[in-house]
């Protein structure tokens, strides 16, 4: 470069420009101003959407679950103006409580060939959680209502803390989130009671049947064939209300957002046989007394206090392609405050948690499409997605 009286100014300009470009690099950690929320399907609305799933069958369809007991299906296209009722079980779902209703949907890994899908819903008389299998009809956009086969029923002592998530793991087993049964503080001690299914994540084999059950116990479940009377379906326990969990599609790790009681919301990575502490601990803090044995419990990988929110909504480790700055990071939110965060625990001793968006609606759930792109369900009746302010 030929030096002129303006060279210093030019060098300053080039340095500033390079710095700005570096800040906008989508591979950099996201900043609070990097992402915005927008309506994914602006012509569609829903009544309290609580889950979004894809069938994994190459059809590029989206299924949205409404808490009242209705599942809608439609093409995964922004300008979609029509949705079809895939299944309506409103008449058999109890959604009188704020946390009751049709809460979860999972498609069998071989759905394209067997047409099986699974639901998690609450019913009354008596109050219980129902895990059922249904089959699609000859019409790909309609389920066969008469095909229901009940796999599991779990008595519910109260109307809240029902869990709700269903998902198939990379091992092909069905995982089920079950809360502690409700009320406040876990008055019945279900979180630490291995003889009840409450307060746990369950794991069952839906491709086999054992005795009178319409499922089997995986032989490597932590309490399989135990002699103490522990529930063999339990995969992990000590959970208060694991409303939403998901598997990282790359690593297979199981991530859960567990809703707290008074002080802390927590994010856990679930391991087989792990005790996550409730109601001995809330997050990484003693709950019932000033002193407790935290060393015997699985620690939360992240927690936040009530100044940030009051009810965690677990999400997904992002593995899509549209938001490269988020790849490999766990995206989750708080139902009440609307804050959306990105969590990086690649260094477990120094996790990095960044707020990336602020929703003006209650974030009830997350979902992904067949390409791994992320969606947020809102109690404003809309499905939303994150978009980057910068070209990807």
Protein backbone atom coordinates (compact mmCIF):
# COMPACT_ATOMS: atom_id res chain seq x y z
CA UNK A 1 0.00 0.00 0.00
CA UNK A 2 1.30 3.45 -0.90
CA UNK A 3 1.40 5.64 2.20
CA UNK A 4 -0.55 8.91 2.04
CA UNK A 5 -1.69 11.41 4.68
CA UNK A 6 -4.99 9.48 4.76
CA UNK A 7 -3.41 6.05 5.32
CA UNK A 8 -3.93 6.07 9.13
CA UNK A 9 -7.61 6.91 8.66
CA UNK A 10 -7.95 4.20 6.03
CA UNK A 11 -6.33 1.64 8.31
CA UNK A 12 -8.67 2.62 11.14
CA UNK A 13 -11.66 2.23 8.81
CA UNK A 14 -10.52 -1.20 7.62
CA UNK A 15 -9.95 -2.36 11.19
CA UNK A 16 -13.38 -1.17 12.26
CA UNK A 17 -14.99 -2.86 9.26
CA UNK A 18 -13.18 -6.11 9.99
CA UNK A 19 -14.28 -5.91 13.59
CA UNK A 20 -17.90 -5.38 12.59
CA UNK A 21 -17.75 -8.32 10.20
CA UNK A 22 -16.26 -10.50 12.91
CA UNK A 23 -19.06 -9.53 15.29
CA UNK A 24 -21.63 -10.53 12.67
CA UNK A 25 -19.99 -13.88 11.94
CA UNK A 26 -22.83 -16.43 12.41
CA UNK A 27 -20.34 -18.92 13.85
CA UNK A 28 -19.69 -16.62 16.80
CA UNK A 29 -21.59 -17.16 20.05
CA UNK A 30 -25.05 -15.56 19.75
CA UNK A 31 -25.67 -12.22 21.38
CA UNK A 32 -29.03 -10.97 22.74
CA UNK A 33 -29.50 -8.88 19.60
CA UNK A 34 -28.64 -11.67 17.13
CA UNK A 35 -32.05 -13.34 16.80
CA UNK A 36 -35.69 -12.41 16.50
CA UNK A 37 -38.95 -14.34 16.78
CA UNK A 38 -41.38 -14.42 13.89
CA UNK A 39 -44.58 -16.31 13.10
CA UNK A 40 -43.76 -19.52 11.29
CA UNK A 41 -47.27 -20.02 9.84
CA UNK A 42 -48.95 -16.59 9.99
CA UNK A 43 -52.24 -17.79 8.49
CA UNK A 44 -52.78 -20.51 11.11
CA UNK A 45 -53.88 -20.24 14.74
CA UNK A 46 -54.27 -22.79 17.52
CA UNK A 47 -55.88 -23.14 20.94
CA UNK A 48 -53.13 -23.53 23.57
CA UNK A 49 -50.60 -25.43 21.41
CA UNK A 50 -48.38 -27.56 23.67
CA UNK A 51 -46.33 -29.67 21.27
CA UNK A 52 -45.07 -29.74 17.68
CA UNK A 53 -43.80 -32.89 16.01
CA UNK A 54 -42.90 -34.32 12.62
CA UNK A 55 -43.60 -37.90 11.56
CA UNK A 56 -40.12 -38.55 10.20
CA UNK A 57 -41.70 -40.01 7.06
CA UNK A 58 -40.34 -37.61 4.45
CA UNK A 59 -43.71 -35.93 3.98
CA UNK A 60 -42.56 -32.50 5.24
CA UNK A 61 -45.65 -32.21 7.43
CA UNK A 62 -46.01 -30.61 10.85
CA UNK A 63 -48.29 -31.89 13.63
CA UNK A 64 -49.43 -29.44 16.30
CA UNK A 65 -51.00 -30.66 19.54
CA UNK A 66 -53.64 -28.55 21.29
CA UNK A 67 -54.07 -29.10 25.02
CA UNK A 68 -57.82 -29.66 24.67
CA UNK A 69 -57.18 -32.92 22.80
CA UNK A 70 -56.85 -32.06 19.11
CA UNK A 71 -53.94 -32.74 16.74
CA UNK A 72 -53.70 -30.75 13.51
CA UNK A 73 -51.53 -31.60 10.51
CA UNK A 74 -50.41 -29.36 7.67
CA UNK A 75 -47.60 -28.77 5.19
CA UNK A 76 -44.43 -27.25 6.59
CA UNK A 77 -44.67 -24.15 4.43
CA UNK A 78 -44.85 -20.58 5.70
CA UNK A 79 -47.86 -19.64 3.54
CA UNK A 80 -49.91 -22.70 4.53
CA UNK A 81 -53.50 -21.52 5.02
CA UNK A 82 -55.26 -24.78 5.84
CA UNK A 83 -54.82 -27.44 8.49
CA UNK A 84 -56.49 -30.83 8.83
CA UNK A 85 -57.65 -32.45 12.07
CA UNK A 86 -55.45 -35.52 12.35
CA UNK A 87 -57.05 -36.72 15.60
CA UNK A 88 -59.70 -35.40 18.00
CA UNK A 89 -59.92 -37.06 21.44
CA UNK A 90 -61.28 -34.01 23.24
CA UNK A 91 -64.16 -36.06 24.66
CA UNK A 92 -61.83 -38.38 26.54
CA UNK A 93 -59.21 -35.84 27.67
CA UNK A 94 -59.43 -34.06 31.02
CA UNK A 95 -58.01 -30.56 30.54
CA UNK A 96 -59.79 -28.83 33.42
CA UNK A 97 -56.54 -28.06 35.23
CA UNK A 98 -53.98 -25.68 33.74
CA UNK A 99 -51.43 -28.52 33.42
CA UNK A 100 -53.81 -31.27 32.29
CA UNK A 101 -54.88 -32.29 28.80
CA UNK A 102 -53.30 -33.82 25.73
CA UNK A 103 -49.64 -33.20 26.52
CA UNK A 104 -47.39 -35.23 24.26
CA UNK A 105 -47.06 -37.01 20.91
CA UNK A 106 -44.37 -39.31 19.53
CA UNK A 107 -44.23 -41.12 16.20
CA UNK A 108 -42.80 -44.62 16.09
CA UNK A 109 -39.35 -44.74 14.42
CA UNK A 110 -40.93 -47.05 11.82
CA UNK A 111 -44.05 -44.91 11.43
CA UNK A 112 -43.75 -44.88 7.66
CA UNK A 113 -44.31 -48.66 7.60
CA UNK A 114 -46.41 -49.38 10.72
CA UNK A 115 -48.40 -46.15 11.15
CA UNK A 116 -48.08 -46.17 14.95
CA UNK A 117 -47.97 -43.04 17.09
CA UNK A 118 -48.21 -42.54 20.85
CA UNK A 119 -50.01 -40.03 23.06
CA UNK A 120 -49.65 -38.81 26.63
CA UNK A 121 -52.87 -37.34 28.05
CA UNK A 122 -54.76 -36.97 31.30
CA UNK A 123 -58.20 -38.47 31.96
CA UNK A 124 -60.65 -38.34 34.84
CA UNK A 125 -62.75 -40.76 36.94
CA UNK A 126 -60.23 -41.64 38.23
CA UNK A 127 -57.64 -38.92 37.59
CA UNK A 128 -54.78 -40.52 35.71
CA UNK A 129 -52.15 -40.17 33.01
CA UNK A 130 -52.77 -42.34 29.97
CA UNK A 131 -50.09 -43.51 27.53
CA UNK A 132 -51.75 -44.88 24.39
CA UNK A 133 -50.88 -46.11 20.94
CA UNK A 134 -52.93 -45.16 17.88
CA UNK A 135 -52.61 -45.97 14.19
CA UNK A 136 -53.02 -43.79 11.13
CA UNK A 137 -55.95 -44.60 8.84
CA UNK A 138 -55.79 -45.19 5.08
CA UNK A 139 -55.83 -41.40 4.77
CA UNK A 140 -52.34 -40.17 5.72
CA UNK A 141 -53.85 -37.03 7.27
CA UNK A 142 -56.36 -38.87 9.46
CA UNK A 143 -55.77 -41.13 12.45
CA UNK A 144 -57.97 -44.13 13.18
CA UNK A 145 -59.79 -43.12 16.38
CA UNK A 146 -60.89 -46.70 17.02
CA UNK A 147 -57.31 -48.01 17.01
CA UNK A 148 -56.39 -46.86 20.53
CA UNK A 149 -54.45 -49.36 22.63
CA UNK A 150 -53.71 -48.26 26.19
CA UNK A 151 -50.16 -49.10 27.22
CA UNK A 152 -49.94 -47.55 30.64
CA UNK A 153 -52.12 -45.69 33.15
CA UNK A 154 -50.62 -43.78 36.07
CA UNK A 155 -52.84 -42.54 38.94
CA UNK A 156 -52.56 -38.79 39.53
CA UNK A 157 -53.21 -37.56 43.09
CA UNK A 158 -53.45 -33.88 42.06
CA UNK A 159 -54.16 -31.90 38.91
CA UNK A 160 -50.68 -30.45 38.34
CA UNK A 161 -47.17 -31.74 37.59
CA UNK A 162 -48.22 -34.27 34.99
CA UNK A 163 -45.03 -34.14 32.94
CA UNK A 164 -46.12 -34.77 29.35
CA UNK A 165 -43.24 -35.43 26.98
CA UNK A 166 -42.96 -38.56 24.88
CA UNK A 167 -39.98 -39.33 22.66
CA UNK A 168 -38.24 -42.30 21.14
CA UNK A 169 -34.57 -42.51 22.00
CA UNK A 170 -31.78 -43.54 19.64
CA UNK A 171 -32.11 -47.00 21.22
CA UNK A 172 -35.65 -47.33 19.83
CA UNK A 173 -37.30 -47.29 23.28
CA UNK A 174 -40.12 -44.93 24.27
CA UNK A 175 -39.27 -42.42 27.01
CA UNK A 176 -42.05 -40.85 29.08
CA UNK A 177 -41.91 -37.79 31.36
CA UNK A 178 -43.96 -38.07 34.56
CA UNK A 179 -44.16 -35.35 37.21
CA UNK A 180 -44.23 -35.86 40.98
CA UNK A 181 -48.05 -35.96 41.12
CA UNK A 182 -48.56 -32.35 42.07
CA UNK A 183 -49.53 -30.08 44.93
CA UNK A 184 -46.54 -28.19 46.38
CA UNK A 185 -43.29 -29.53 47.76
CA UNK A 186 -44.09 -33.14 46.79
CA UNK A 187 -46.14 -33.91 49.93
CA UNK A 188 -46.29 -37.63 49.16
CA UNK A 189 -42.54 -37.95 48.58
CA UNK A 190 -43.00 -39.39 45.10
CA UNK A 191 -39.79 -37.94 43.70
CA UNK A 192 -37.66 -40.24 45.88
CA UNK A 193 -40.06 -43.20 45.91
CA UNK A 194 -38.88 -45.86 43.48
CA UNK A 195 -42.09 -47.85 43.98
CA UNK A 196 -44.15 -45.26 42.10
CA UNK A 197 -43.86 -44.15 38.49
CA UNK A 198 -44.33 -40.51 39.52
CA UNK A 199 -41.42 -38.08 39.55
CA UNK A 200 -39.52 -40.01 36.89
CA UNK A 201 -38.58 -40.47 33.28
CA UNK A 202 -39.75 -43.91 32.18
CA UNK A 203 -38.37 -46.12 29.44
CA UNK A 204 -40.33 -48.94 27.84
CA UNK A 205 -40.13 -51.23 24.81
CA UNK A 206 -43.30 -50.78 22.77
CA UNK A 207 -42.32 -53.43 20.22
CA UNK A 208 -42.76 -56.28 22.70
CA UNK A 209 -45.40 -57.31 25.22
CA UNK A 210 -44.78 -58.87 28.61
CA UNK A 211 -47.56 -60.82 30.33
CA UNK A 212 -50.68 -58.67 30.60
CA UNK A 213 -48.79 -55.49 29.65
CA UNK A 214 -48.84 -54.03 26.17
CA UNK A 215 -45.10 -53.27 26.44
CA UNK A 216 -41.91 -54.79 27.80
CA UNK A 217 -39.17 -53.63 30.17
CA UNK A 218 -35.81 -53.07 28.45
CA UNK A 219 -33.39 -55.55 30.03
CA UNK A 220 -30.85 -52.82 30.83
CA UNK A 221 -33.29 -50.53 32.63
CA UNK A 222 -31.65 -49.62 35.96
CA UNK A 223 -34.26 -51.44 38.07
CA UNK A 224 -35.11 -54.30 35.73
CA UNK A 225 -35.69 -57.56 37.63
CA UNK A 226 -35.09 -55.93 41.00
CA UNK A 227 -36.27 -57.67 44.18
CA UNK A 228 -37.14 -54.52 46.17
CA UNK A 229 -40.43 -53.78 44.44
CA UNK A 230 -39.09 -50.79 42.52
CA UNK A 231 -40.90 -49.82 39.33
CA UNK A 232 -38.96 -51.41 36.51
CA UNK A 233 -40.10 -48.79 34.00
CA UNK A 234 -38.03 -46.08 35.73
CA UNK A 235 -35.02 -44.80 33.80
CA UNK A 236 -34.22 -41.80 36.05
CA UNK A 237 -35.97 -40.27 39.07
CA UNK A 238 -36.00 -37.40 41.53
CA UNK A 239 -37.76 -35.05 39.09
CA UNK A 240 -40.43 -32.52 39.98
CA UNK A 241 -42.08 -31.78 36.64
CA UNK A 242 -39.97 -32.65 33.58
CA UNK A 243 -42.43 -30.98 31.22
CA UNK A 244 -40.19 -31.14 28.15
CA UNK A 245 -37.19 -33.30 27.27
CA UNK A 246 -35.38 -34.08 24.02
CA UNK A 247 -32.55 -36.12 22.60
CA UNK A 248 -29.59 -34.47 20.91
CA UNK A 249 -29.79 -35.96 17.43
CA UNK A 250 -25.99 -35.99 17.14
CA UNK A 251 -24.78 -37.16 20.56
CA UNK A 252 -27.88 -39.00 21.80
CA UNK A 253 -27.78 -37.14 25.13
CA UNK A 254 -31.12 -36.68 26.88
CA UNK A 255 -31.77 -33.06 27.95
CA UNK A 256 -34.59 -32.11 30.33
CA UNK A 257 -36.00 -28.88 31.68
CA UNK A 258 -37.33 -29.60 35.20
CA UNK A 259 -39.76 -27.01 36.58
CA UNK A 260 -38.79 -25.76 40.04
CA UNK A 261 -40.77 -25.06 43.20
CA UNK A 262 -39.89 -21.72 44.81
CA UNK A 263 -36.41 -20.63 43.84
CA UNK A 264 -34.69 -22.45 40.96
CA UNK A 265 -35.45 -23.74 37.48
CA UNK A 266 -33.04 -26.39 36.21
CA UNK A 267 -31.64 -28.01 33.09
CA UNK A 268 -30.50 -31.63 33.43
CA UNK A 269 -28.72 -34.12 31.22
CA UNK A 270 -30.36 -37.41 32.13
CA UNK A 271 -28.30 -40.53 32.74
CA UNK A 272 -29.59 -44.05 33.35
CA UNK A 273 -30.43 -44.60 37.01
CA UNK A 274 -29.70 -40.98 37.91
CA UNK A 275 -31.33 -39.34 40.97
CA UNK A 276 -32.00 -35.67 40.20
CA UNK A 277 -32.74 -34.76 43.76
CA UNK A 278 -36.35 -33.70 44.12
CA UNK A 279 -37.57 -33.17 46.84
CA UNK A 280 -34.26 -33.34 48.68
CA UNK A 281 -32.93 -30.57 46.46
CA UNK A 282 -34.26 -27.90 44.11
CA UNK A 283 -31.68 -27.34 41.42
CA UNK A 284 -28.30 -27.64 43.08
CA UNK A 285 -29.57 -26.42 46.46
CA UNK A 286 -31.01 -28.22 49.47
CA UNK A 287 -34.80 -27.90 49.58
CA UNK A 288 -36.25 -29.42 52.73
CA UNK A 289 -33.43 -28.50 55.10
CA UNK A 290 -30.36 -26.30 55.21
CA UNK A 291 -28.13 -29.35 54.97
CA UNK A 292 -28.49 -32.33 52.65
CA UNK A 293 -26.24 -34.78 50.83
CA UNK A 294 -25.94 -33.16 47.40
CA UNK A 295 -23.01 -35.43 46.57
CA UNK A 296 -25.28 -38.43 46.05
CA UNK A 297 -27.43 -36.56 43.50
CA UNK A 298 -26.96 -35.82 39.81
CA UNK A 299 -26.27 -32.07 39.54
CA UNK A 300 -28.17 -29.78 37.22
CA UNK A 301 -25.99 -28.60 34.33
CA UNK A 302 -27.63 -25.17 34.61
CA UNK A 303 -30.09 -23.40 36.86
CA UNK A 304 -31.62 -19.95 37.06
CA UNK A 305 -33.35 -17.98 39.77
CA UNK A 306 -36.84 -16.51 39.88
CA UNK A 307 -35.58 -13.11 38.74
CA UNK A 308 -35.20 -14.73 35.28
CA UNK A 309 -38.42 -16.74 35.15
CA UNK A 310 -40.69 -19.12 37.02
CA UNK A 311 -41.28 -22.16 34.80
CA UNK A 312 -38.65 -23.61 32.49
CA UNK A 313 -39.68 -24.90 29.07
CA UNK A 314 -37.14 -27.45 27.90
CA UNK A 315 -36.07 -27.30 24.28
CA UNK A 316 -33.58 -28.88 21.89
CA UNK A 317 -29.92 -28.96 21.04
CA UNK A 318 -30.02 -27.19 17.70
CA UNK A 319 -28.80 -29.30 14.78
CA UNK A 320 -30.43 -27.47 11.87
CA UNK A 321 -28.69 -25.43 9.18
CA UNK A 322 -30.49 -22.07 9.11
CA UNK A 323 -29.04 -20.72 12.39
CA UNK A 324 -25.39 -21.70 12.24
CA UNK A 325 -24.49 -19.65 15.31
CA UNK A 326 -26.69 -21.92 17.41
CA UNK A 327 -25.49 -25.32 16.21
CA UNK A 328 -24.65 -27.56 19.15
CA UNK A 329 -26.28 -25.26 21.70
CA UNK A 330 -29.28 -26.16 23.82
CA UNK A 331 -32.16 -23.74 23.15
CA UNK A 332 -34.78 -23.39 25.86
CA UNK A 333 -37.10 -20.78 27.38
CA UNK A 334 -39.13 -19.74 30.38
CA UNK A 335 -42.89 -20.12 30.03
CA UNK A 336 -43.78 -17.03 32.05
CA UNK A 337 -41.02 -14.51 31.38
CA UNK A 338 -40.70 -15.35 27.68
CA UNK A 339 -36.93 -15.32 27.78
CA UNK A 340 -35.25 -17.64 25.27
CA UNK A 341 -31.71 -18.80 25.96
CA UNK A 342 -28.80 -20.59 24.31
CA UNK A 343 -26.82 -22.89 26.63
CA UNK A 344 -23.35 -24.21 25.82
CA UNK A 345 -21.99 -26.81 28.26
CA UNK A 346 -19.06 -28.00 26.15
CA UNK A 347 -16.97 -26.92 29.15
CA UNK A 348 -19.03 -28.32 32.05
CA UNK A 349 -17.07 -26.24 34.56
CA UNK A 350 -17.86 -22.99 32.75
CA UNK A 351 -21.25 -23.18 30.99
CA UNK A 352 -22.17 -20.26 28.76
CA UNK A 353 -25.82 -19.21 28.92
CA UNK A 354 -26.96 -16.32 26.71
CA UNK A 355 -30.38 -14.77 26.24
CA UNK A 356 -31.05 -14.70 22.50
CA UNK A 357 -34.69 -13.58 22.31
CA UNK A 358 -37.53 -12.23 24.43
CA UNK A 359 -40.99 -13.51 23.57
CA UNK A 360 -44.10 -11.49 24.30
CA UNK A 361 -46.07 -14.71 24.76
CA UNK A 362 -45.99 -17.78 27.00
CA UNK A 363 -43.56 -20.30 25.45
CA UNK A 364 -45.24 -23.65 26.10
CA UNK A 365 -43.03 -25.95 24.05
CA UNK A 366 -40.44 -26.40 21.31
CA UNK A 367 -40.46 -28.70 18.30
CA UNK A 368 -38.37 -29.52 15.26
CA UNK A 369 -39.21 -30.36 11.67
CA UNK A 370 -37.64 -33.12 9.58
CA UNK A 371 -34.68 -30.87 8.77
CA UNK A 372 -34.00 -30.17 12.44
CA UNK A 373 -35.22 -26.58 12.29
CA UNK A 374 -36.63 -25.21 15.53
CA UNK A 375 -40.16 -23.97 16.32
CA UNK A 376 -41.72 -22.48 19.46
CA UNK A 377 -45.34 -23.05 20.53
CA UNK A 378 -46.97 -19.97 22.02
CA UNK A 379 -50.07 -19.50 24.09
CA UNK A 380 -50.82 -16.54 21.86
CA UNK A 381 -52.17 -19.25 19.56
CA UNK A 382 -49.24 -19.11 17.15
CA UNK A 383 -46.23 -21.18 16.15
CA UNK A 384 -43.03 -19.14 16.06
CA UNK A 385 -39.46 -19.58 14.88
CA UNK A 386 -36.13 -17.91 15.48
CA UNK A 387 -34.56 -15.97 12.64
CA UNK A 388 -31.11 -14.45 12.50
CA UNK A 389 -30.59 -10.74 11.96
CA UNK A 390 -27.56 -11.59 9.86
CA UNK A 391 -27.34 -13.58 6.62
CA UNK A 392 -26.47 -17.22 7.18
